[in-house]
Amino acid sequence: MEVHEYSNGEITILWKPKACIHSGVCVKTLSNVYHPGARPWIEPGNATTQELIDQVAKCPSGALSIKKDLNVVKNGKYKGGV
């Protein structure tokens, strides 16, 4: 299945267009992130990570999901879903 990825550096939103039922919950919840007429249509940098996680959890079709990004810095701490 086709999957599009949109990252804010902490998490990546995965969108499966063929699973989307176009209910509009995403656009109604975070209109500053989701712009159906634009490309790219998802701009995750326009909301906090927690706002994105909360919104994606409301997607009725499951077309939107979250993947936590893992950033490893030499001699640094882990950041992300460790």
PDB file of N, CA and C in Angstrom:
ATOM      1  N   MET A   1       0.844  -1.179   0.000  1.00  0.00           N
ATOM      2  CA  MET A   1       0.000   0.000   0.000  1.00  0.00           C
ATOM      3  C   MET A   1       0.893   1.246   0.000  1.00  0.00           C
ATOM      4  N   GLU A   2       0.495   2.228  -0.754  1.00  0.00           N
ATOM      5  CA  GLU A   2       1.225   3.493  -0.850  1.00  0.00           C
ATOM      6  C   GLU A   2       1.182   4.235   0.487  1.00  0.00           C
ATOM      7  N   VAL A   3       2.336   4.742   0.928  1.00  0.00           N
ATOM      8  CA  VAL A   3       2.437   5.484   2.185  1.00  0.00           C
ATOM      9  C   VAL A   3       3.278   6.738   1.952  1.00  0.00           C
ATOM     10  N   HIS A   4       2.764   7.866   2.414  1.00  0.00           N
ATOM     11  CA  HIS A   4       3.503   9.131   2.356  1.00  0.00           C
ATOM     12  C   HIS A   4       3.951   9.478   3.769  1.00  0.00           C
ATOM     13  N   GLU A   5       5.159  10.044   3.901  1.00  0.00           N
ATOM     14  CA  GLU A   5       5.719  10.367   5.212  1.00  0.00           C
ATOM     15  C   GLU A   5       5.981  11.862   5.330  1.00  0.00           C
ATOM     16  N   TYR A   6       5.629  12.411   6.508  1.00  0.00           N
ATOM     17  CA  TYR A   6       5.813  13.833   6.797  1.00  0.00           C
ATOM     18  C   TYR A   6       6.368  13.945   8.212  1.00  0.00           C
ATOM     19  N   SER A   7       7.575  14.509   8.357  1.00  0.00           N
ATOM     20  CA  SER A   7       8.250  14.529   9.658  1.00  0.00           C
ATOM     21  C   SER A   7       8.423  15.943  10.199  1.00  0.00           C
ATOM     22  N   ASN A   8       8.391  16.041  11.539  1.00  0.00           N
ATOM     23  CA  ASN A   8       8.739  17.299  12.203  1.00  0.00           C
ATOM     24  C   ASN A   8      10.081  17.171  12.930  1.00  0.00           C
ATOM     25  N   GLY A   9      10.777  16.059  12.728  1.00  0.00           N
ATOM     26  CA  GLY A   9      12.059  15.815  13.375  1.00  0.00           C
ATOM     27  C   GLY A   9      11.957  14.991  14.643  1.00  0.00           C
ATOM     28  N   GLU A  10      10.771  14.926  15.233  1.00  0.00           N
ATOM     29  CA  GLU A  10      10.537  14.110  16.425  1.00  0.00           C
ATOM     30  C   GLU A  10       9.676  12.899  16.106  1.00  0.00           C
ATOM     31  N   ILE A  11       8.676  13.129  15.267  1.00  0.00           N
ATOM     32  CA  ILE A  11       7.790  12.049  14.828  1.00  0.00           C
ATOM     33  C   ILE A  11       7.571  12.191  13.327  1.00  0.00           C
ATOM     34  N   THR A  12       7.124  11.106  12.726  1.00  0.00           N
ATOM     35  CA  THR A  12       6.755  11.123  11.314  1.00  0.00           C
ATOM     36  C   THR A  12       5.298  10.703  11.211  1.00  0.00           C
ATOM     37  N   ILE A  13       4.513  11.503  10.513  1.00  0.00           N
ATOM     38  CA  ILE A  13       3.125  11.145  10.229  1.00  0.00           C
ATOM     39  C   ILE A  13       3.136  10.304   8.964  1.00  0.00           C
ATOM     40  N   LEU A  14       2.524   9.144   9.036  1.00  0.00           N
ATOM     41  CA  LEU A  14       2.371   8.260   7.881  1.00  0.00           C
ATOM     42  C   LEU A  14       0.943   8.405   7.376  1.00  0.00           C
ATOM     43  N   TRP A  15       0.785   8.633   6.081  1.00  0.00           N
ATOM     44  CA  TRP A  15      -0.540   8.763   5.479  1.00  0.00           C
ATOM     45  C   TRP A  15      -0.691   7.744   4.369  1.00  0.00           C
ATOM     46  N   LYS A  16      -1.738   6.921   4.490  1.00  0.00           N
ATOM     47  CA  LYS A  16      -2.073   5.919   3.478  1.00  0.00           C
ATOM     48  C   LYS A  16      -3.286   6.435   2.705  1.00  0.00           C
ATOM     49  N   PRO A  17      -3.072   7.034   1.535  1.00  0.00           N
ATOM     50  CA  PRO A  17      -4.177   7.659   0.809  1.00  0.00           C
ATOM     51  C   PRO A  17      -5.316   6.711   0.449  1.00  0.00           C
ATOM     52  N   LYS A  18      -5.012   5.459   0.164  1.00  0.00           N
ATOM     53  CA  LYS A  18      -6.079   4.523  -0.230  1.00  0.00           C
ATOM     54  C   LYS A  18      -6.940   4.096   0.950  1.00  0.00           C
ATOM     55  N   ALA A  19      -6.453   4.303   2.175  1.00  0.00           N
ATOM     56  CA  ALA A  19      -7.230   3.969   3.368  1.00  0.00           C
ATOM     57  C   ALA A  19      -8.072   5.154   3.835  1.00  0.00           C
ATOM     58  N   CYS A  20      -7.762   6.344   3.342  1.00  0.00           N
ATOM     59  CA  CYS A  20      -8.424   7.569   3.797  1.00  0.00           C
ATOM     60  C   CYS A  20      -9.883   7.602   3.331  1.00  0.00           C
ATOM     61  N   ILE A  21     -10.792   7.911   4.272  1.00  0.00           N
ATOM     62  CA  ILE A  21     -12.215   8.024   3.935  1.00  0.00           C
ATOM     63  C   ILE A  21     -12.645   9.493   3.815  1.00  0.00           C
ATOM     64  N   HIS A  22     -11.702  10.408   3.907  1.00  0.00           N
ATOM     65  CA  HIS A  22     -11.934  11.844   3.718  1.00  0.00           C
ATOM     66  C   HIS A  22     -13.021  12.390   4.640  1.00  0.00           C
ATOM     67  N   SER A  23     -12.961  11.979   5.906  1.00  0.00           N
ATOM     68  CA  SER A  23     -13.921  12.472   6.892  1.00  0.00           C
ATOM     69  C   SER A  23     -13.649  13.926   7.264  1.00  0.00           C
ATOM     70  N   GLY A  24     -12.413  14.374   7.074  1.00  0.00           N
ATOM     71  CA  GLY A  24     -12.064  15.759   7.382  1.00  0.00           C
ATOM     72  C   GLY A  24     -11.708  16.024   8.829  1.00  0.00           C
ATOM     73  N   VAL A  25     -11.648  14.982   9.647  1.00  0.00           N
ATOM     74  CA  VAL A  25     -11.310  15.162  11.062  1.00  0.00           C
ATOM     75  C   VAL A  25      -9.947  15.831  11.206  1.00  0.00           C
ATOM     76  N   CYS A  26      -8.997  15.436  10.409  1.00  0.00           N
ATOM     77  CA  CYS A  26      -7.645  16.010  10.497  1.00  0.00           C
ATOM     78  C   CYS A  26      -7.670  17.503  10.203  1.00  0.00           C
ATOM     79  N   VAL A  27      -8.347  17.894   9.137  1.00  0.00           N
ATOM     80  CA  VAL A  27      -8.401  19.297   8.734  1.00  0.00           C
ATOM     81  C   VAL A  27      -9.156  20.127   9.768  1.00  0.00           C
ATOM     82  N   LYS A  28     -10.250  19.589  10.288  1.00  0.00           N
ATOM     83  CA  LYS A  28     -11.039  20.317  11.289  1.00  0.00           C
ATOM     84  C   LYS A  28     -10.275  20.469  12.596  1.00  0.00           C
ATOM     85  N   THR A  29      -9.475  19.465  12.947  1.00  0.00           N
ATOM     86  CA  THR A  29      -8.749  19.486  14.217  1.00  0.00           C
ATOM     87  C   THR A  29      -7.505  20.361  14.150  1.00  0.00           C
ATOM     88  N   LEU A  30      -6.715  20.244  13.092  1.00  0.00           N
ATOM     89  CA  LEU A  30      -5.466  21.007  12.946  1.00  0.00           C
ATOM     90  C   LEU A  30      -5.391  21.621  11.545  1.00  0.00           C
ATOM     91  N   SER A  31      -6.182  22.650  11.330  1.00  0.00           N
ATOM     92  CA  SER A  31      -6.224  23.275  10.002  1.00  0.00           C
ATOM     93  C   SER A  31      -4.912  23.962   9.634  1.00  0.00           C
ATOM     94  N   ASN A  32      -4.064  24.225  10.612  1.00  0.00           N
ATOM     95  CA  ASN A  32      -2.755  24.820  10.324  1.00  0.00           C
ATOM     96  C   ASN A  32      -1.738  23.781   9.853  1.00  0.00           C
ATOM     97  N   VAL A  33      -2.077  22.498   9.966  1.00  0.00           N
ATOM     98  CA  VAL A  33      -1.186  21.399   9.564  1.00  0.00           C
ATOM     99  C   VAL A  33      -1.651  20.753   8.262  1.00  0.00           C
ATOM    100  N   TYR A  34      -2.956  20.543   8.123  1.00  0.00           N
ATOM    101  CA  TYR A  34      -3.512  19.802   6.986  1.00  0.00           C
ATOM    102  C   TYR A  34      -4.136  20.766   5.980  1.00  0.00           C
ATOM    103  N   HIS A  35      -3.622  20.746   4.739  1.00  0.00           N
ATOM    104  CA  HIS A  35      -4.074  21.628   3.666  1.00  0.00           C
ATOM    105  C   HIS A  35      -4.350  20.766   2.428  1.00  0.00           C
ATOM    106  N   PRO A  36      -5.586  20.247   2.282  1.00  0.00           N
ATOM    107  CA  PRO A  36      -5.883  19.299   1.204  1.00  0.00           C
ATOM    108  C   PRO A  36      -5.531  19.767  -0.205  1.00  0.00           C
ATOM    109  N   GLY A  37      -5.576  21.044  -0.490  1.00  0.00           N
ATOM    110  CA  GLY A  37      -5.295  21.518  -1.841  1.00  0.00           C
ATOM    111  C   GLY A  37      -3.828  21.792  -2.132  1.00  0.00           C
ATOM    112  N   ALA A  38      -2.976  21.695  -1.119  1.00  0.00           N
ATOM    113  CA  ALA A  38      -1.557  22.039  -1.275  1.00  0.00           C
ATOM    114  C   ALA A  38      -0.697  20.780  -1.385  1.00  0.00           C
ATOM    115  N   ARG A  39       0.516  20.952  -1.852  1.00  0.00           N
ATOM    116  CA  ARG A  39       1.509  19.874  -1.883  1.00  0.00           C
ATOM    117  C   ARG A  39       2.804  20.411  -1.317  1.00  0.00           C
ATOM    118  N   PRO A  40       3.369  19.870  -0.259  1.00  0.00           N
ATOM    119  CA  PRO A  40       2.794  18.770   0.505  1.00  0.00           C
ATOM    120  C   PRO A  40       1.567  19.245   1.286  1.00  0.00           C
ATOM    121  N   TRP A  41       0.639  18.354   1.482  1.00  0.00           N
ATOM    122  CA  TRP A  41      -0.605  18.757   2.122  1.00  0.00           C
ATOM    123  C   TRP A  41      -0.553  18.644   3.640  1.00  0.00           C
ATOM    124  N   ILE A  42       0.461  17.964   4.162  1.00  0.00           N
ATOM    125  CA  ILE A  42       0.646  17.869   5.610  1.00  0.00           C
ATOM    126  C   ILE A  42       1.929  18.608   5.975  1.00  0.00           C
ATOM    127  N   GLU A  43       1.815  19.573   6.889  1.00  0.00           N
ATOM    128  CA  GLU A  43       2.960  20.346   7.363  1.00  0.00           C
ATOM    129  C   GLU A  43       3.077  20.183   8.879  1.00  0.00           C
ATOM    130  N   PRO A  44       3.734  19.100   9.343  1.00  0.00           N
ATOM    131  CA  PRO A  44       3.783  18.802  10.771  1.00  0.00           C
ATOM    132  C   PRO A  44       4.541  19.831  11.603  1.00  0.00           C
ATOM    133  N   GLY A  45       5.338  20.671  10.982  1.00  0.00           N
ATOM    134  CA  GLY A  45       6.052  21.704  11.722  1.00  0.00           C
ATOM    135  C   GLY A  45       5.151  22.809  12.245  1.00  0.00           C
ATOM    136  N   ASN A  46       3.888  22.804  11.847  1.00  0.00           N
ATOM    137  CA  ASN A  46       2.946  23.845  12.260  1.00  0.00           C
ATOM    138  C   ASN A  46       2.170  23.502  13.526  1.00  0.00           C
ATOM    139  N   ALA A  47       2.558  22.435  14.227  1.00  0.00           N
ATOM    140  CA  ALA A  47       1.904  22.049  15.481  1.00  0.00           C
ATOM    141  C   ALA A  47       2.936  21.368  16.369  1.00  0.00           C
ATOM    142  N   THR A  48       2.598  21.251  17.644  1.00  0.00           N
ATOM    143  CA  THR A  48       3.499  20.543  18.552  1.00  0.00           C
ATOM    144  C   THR A  48       3.398  19.043  18.300  1.00  0.00           C
ATOM    145  N   THR A  49       4.407  18.337  18.737  1.00  0.00           N
ATOM    146  CA  THR A  49       4.393  16.879  18.590  1.00  0.00           C
ATOM    147  C   THR A  49       3.181  16.284  19.292  1.00  0.00           C
ATOM    148  N   GLN A  50       2.864  16.761  20.492  1.00  0.00           N
ATOM    149  CA  GLN A  50       1.720  16.215  21.225  1.00  0.00           C
ATOM    150  C   GLN A  50       0.412  16.509  20.508  1.00  0.00           C
ATOM    151  N   GLU A  51       0.267  17.688  19.928  1.00  0.00           N
ATOM    152  CA  GLU A  51      -0.947  18.004  19.159  1.00  0.00           C
ATOM    153  C   GLU A  51      -1.096  17.052  17.978  1.00  0.00           C
ATOM    154  N   LEU A  52       0.000  16.753  17.310  1.00  0.00           N
ATOM    155  CA  LEU A  52      -0.036  15.823  16.175  1.00  0.00           C
ATOM    156  C   LEU A  52      -0.427  14.422  16.624  1.00  0.00           C
ATOM    157  N   ILE A  53       0.172  13.949  17.710  1.00  0.00           N
ATOM    158  CA  ILE A  53      -0.146  12.614  18.232  1.00  0.00           C
ATOM    159  C   ILE A  53      -1.625  12.527  18.590  1.00  0.00           C
ATOM    160  N   ASP A  54      -2.136  13.551  19.293  1.00  0.00           N
ATOM    161  CA  ASP A  54      -3.547  13.554  19.698  1.00  0.00           C
ATOM    162  C   ASP A  54      -4.470  13.559  18.485  1.00  0.00           C
ATOM    163  N   GLN A  55      -4.136  14.332  17.466  1.00  0.00           N
ATOM    164  CA  GLN A  55      -4.978  14.415  16.276  1.00  0.00           C
ATOM    165  C   GLN A  55      -4.969  13.111  15.504  1.00  0.00           C
ATOM    166  N   VAL A  56      -3.806  12.534  15.292  1.00  0.00           N
ATOM    167  CA  VAL A  56      -3.705  11.289  14.520  1.00  0.00           C
ATOM    168  C   VAL A  56      -4.504  10.175  15.199  1.00  0.00           C
ATOM    169  N   ALA A  57      -4.545  10.187  16.520  1.00  0.00           N
ATOM    170  CA  ALA A  57      -5.320   9.177  17.258  1.00  0.00           C
ATOM    171  C   ALA A  57      -6.814   9.277  16.953  1.00  0.00           C
ATOM    172  N   LYS A  58      -7.274  10.418  16.458  1.00  0.00           N
ATOM    173  CA  LYS A  58      -8.690  10.623  16.145  1.00  0.00           C
ATOM    174  C   LYS A  58      -9.059  10.236  14.713  1.00  0.00           C
ATOM    175  N   CYS A  59      -8.090   9.845  13.906  1.00  0.00           N
ATOM    176  CA  CYS A  59      -8.367   9.495  12.509  1.00  0.00           C
ATOM    177  C   CYS A  59      -9.271   8.258  12.463  1.00  0.00           C
ATOM    178  N   PRO A  60     -10.506   8.382  11.945  1.00  0.00           N
ATOM    179  CA  PRO A  60     -11.449   7.261  11.993  1.00  0.00           C
ATOM    180  C   PRO A  60     -11.094   6.083  11.091  1.00  0.00           C
ATOM    181  N   SER A  61     -10.332   6.319  10.033  1.00  0.00           N
ATOM    182  CA  SER A  61     -10.020   5.239   9.094  1.00  0.00           C
ATOM    183  C   SER A  61      -8.692   4.557   9.380  1.00  0.00           C
ATOM    184  N   GLY A  62      -7.847   5.197  10.198  1.00  0.00           N
ATOM    185  CA  GLY A  62      -6.503   4.669  10.421  1.00  0.00           C
ATOM    186  C   GLY A  62      -5.548   5.009   9.287  1.00  0.00           C
ATOM    187  N   ALA A  63      -5.970   5.898   8.384  1.00  0.00           N
ATOM    188  CA  ALA A  63      -5.104   6.295   7.270  1.00  0.00           C
ATOM    189  C   ALA A  63      -3.900   7.087   7.755  1.00  0.00           C
ATOM    190  N   LEU A  64      -4.039   7.729   8.909  1.00  0.00           N
ATOM    191  CA  LEU A  64      -2.928   8.456   9.523  1.00  0.00           C
ATOM    192  C   LEU A  64      -2.392   7.652  10.697  1.00  0.00           C
ATOM    193  N   SER A  65      -1.085   7.567  10.795  1.00  0.00           N
ATOM    194  CA  SER A  65      -0.448   6.918  11.943  1.00  0.00           C
ATOM    195  C   SER A  65       0.855   7.648  12.235  1.00  0.00           C
ATOM    196  N   ILE A  66       1.462   7.297  13.355  1.00  0.00           N
ATOM    197  CA  ILE A  66       2.676   7.970  13.827  1.00  0.00           C
ATOM    198  C   ILE A  66       3.822   6.975  13.907  1.00  0.00           C
ATOM    199  N   LYS A  67       4.983   7.438  13.471  1.00  0.00           N
ATOM    200  CA  LYS A  67       6.230   6.694  13.667  1.00  0.00           C
ATOM    201  C   LYS A  67       7.157   7.640  14.416  1.00  0.00           C
ATOM    202  N   LYS A  68       7.667   7.195  15.564  1.00  0.00           N
ATOM    203  CA  LYS A  68       8.582   8.044  16.330  1.00  0.00           C
ATOM    204  C   LYS A  68       9.958   8.003  15.693  1.00  0.00           C
ATOM    205  N   ASP A  69      10.534   9.183  15.508  1.00  0.00           N
ATOM    206  CA  ASP A  69      11.870   9.288  14.928  1.00  0.00           C
ATOM    207  C   ASP A  69      12.906   9.036  16.017  1.00  0.00           C
ATOM    208  N   LEU A  70      14.007   8.453  15.635  1.00  0.00           N
ATOM    209  CA  LEU A  70      15.109   8.188  16.555  1.00  0.00           C
ATOM    210  C   LEU A  70      16.322   8.939  16.045  1.00  0.00           C
ATOM    211  N   ASN A  71      16.823   9.838  16.859  1.00  0.00           N
ATOM    212  CA  ASN A  71      17.989  10.638  16.486  1.00  0.00           C
ATOM    213  C   ASN A  71      19.139  10.292  17.414  1.00  0.00           C
ATOM    214  N   VAL A  72      20.201   9.733  16.870  1.00  0.00           N
ATOM    215  CA  VAL A  72      21.369   9.371  17.657  1.00  0.00           C
ATOM    216  C   VAL A  72      22.461  10.396  17.378  1.00  0.00           C
ATOM    217  N   VAL A  73      22.986  10.967  18.454  1.00  0.00           N
ATOM    218  CA  VAL A  73      24.047  11.956  18.349  1.00  0.00           C
ATOM    219  C   VAL A  73      25.303  11.353  18.949  1.00  0.00           C
ATOM    220  N   LYS A  74      26.401  11.428  18.220  1.00  0.00           N
ATOM    221  CA  LYS A  74      27.658  10.887  18.711  1.00  0.00           C
ATOM    222  C   LYS A  74      27.974  11.501  20.069  1.00  0.00           C
ATOM    223  N   ASN A  75      28.241  10.629  21.041  1.00  0.00           N
ATOM    224  CA  ASN A  75      28.531  11.039  22.416  1.00  0.00           C
ATOM    225  C   ASN A  75      27.372  11.795  23.059  1.00  0.00           C
ATOM    226  N   GLY A  76      26.164  11.572  22.579  1.00  0.00           N
ATOM    227  CA  GLY A  76      25.005  12.273  23.129  1.00  0.00           C
ATOM    228  C   GLY A  76      23.968  11.298  23.639  1.00  0.00           C
ATOM    229  N   LYS A  77      22.863  11.860  24.078  1.00  0.00           N
ATOM    230  CA  LYS A  77      21.756  11.046  24.567  1.00  0.00           C
ATOM    231  C   LYS A  77      20.859  10.660  23.399  1.00  0.00           C
ATOM    232  N   TYR A  78      20.105   9.606  23.606  1.00  0.00           N
ATOM    233  CA  TYR A  78      19.100   9.229  22.617  1.00  0.00           C
ATOM    234  C   TYR A  78      17.919  10.166  22.747  1.00  0.00           C
ATOM    235  N   LYS A  79      17.278  10.447  21.631  1.00  0.00           N
ATOM    236  CA  LYS A  79      16.075  11.257  21.618  1.00  0.00           C
ATOM    237  C   LYS A  79      15.075  10.567  20.709  1.00  0.00           C
ATOM    238  N   GLY A  80      13.866  10.416  21.172  1.00  0.00           N
ATOM    239  CA  GLY A  80      12.838   9.778  20.359  1.00  0.00           C
ATOM    240  C   GLY A  80      12.248   8.585  21.075  1.00  0.00           C
ATOM    241  N   GLY A  81      11.788   7.617  20.336  1.00  0.00           N
ATOM    242  CA  GLY A  81      11.098   6.458  20.890  1.00  0.00           C
ATOM    243  C   GLY A  81      12.028   5.349  21.317  1.00  0.00           C
ATOM    244  N   VAL A  82      12.892   5.617  22.237  1.00  0.00           N
ATOM    245  CA  VAL A  82      13.845   4.606  22.704  1.00  0.00           C
ATOM    246  C   VAL A  82      13.262   3.874  23.874  1.00  0.00           C
TER     247      VAL A  82
END
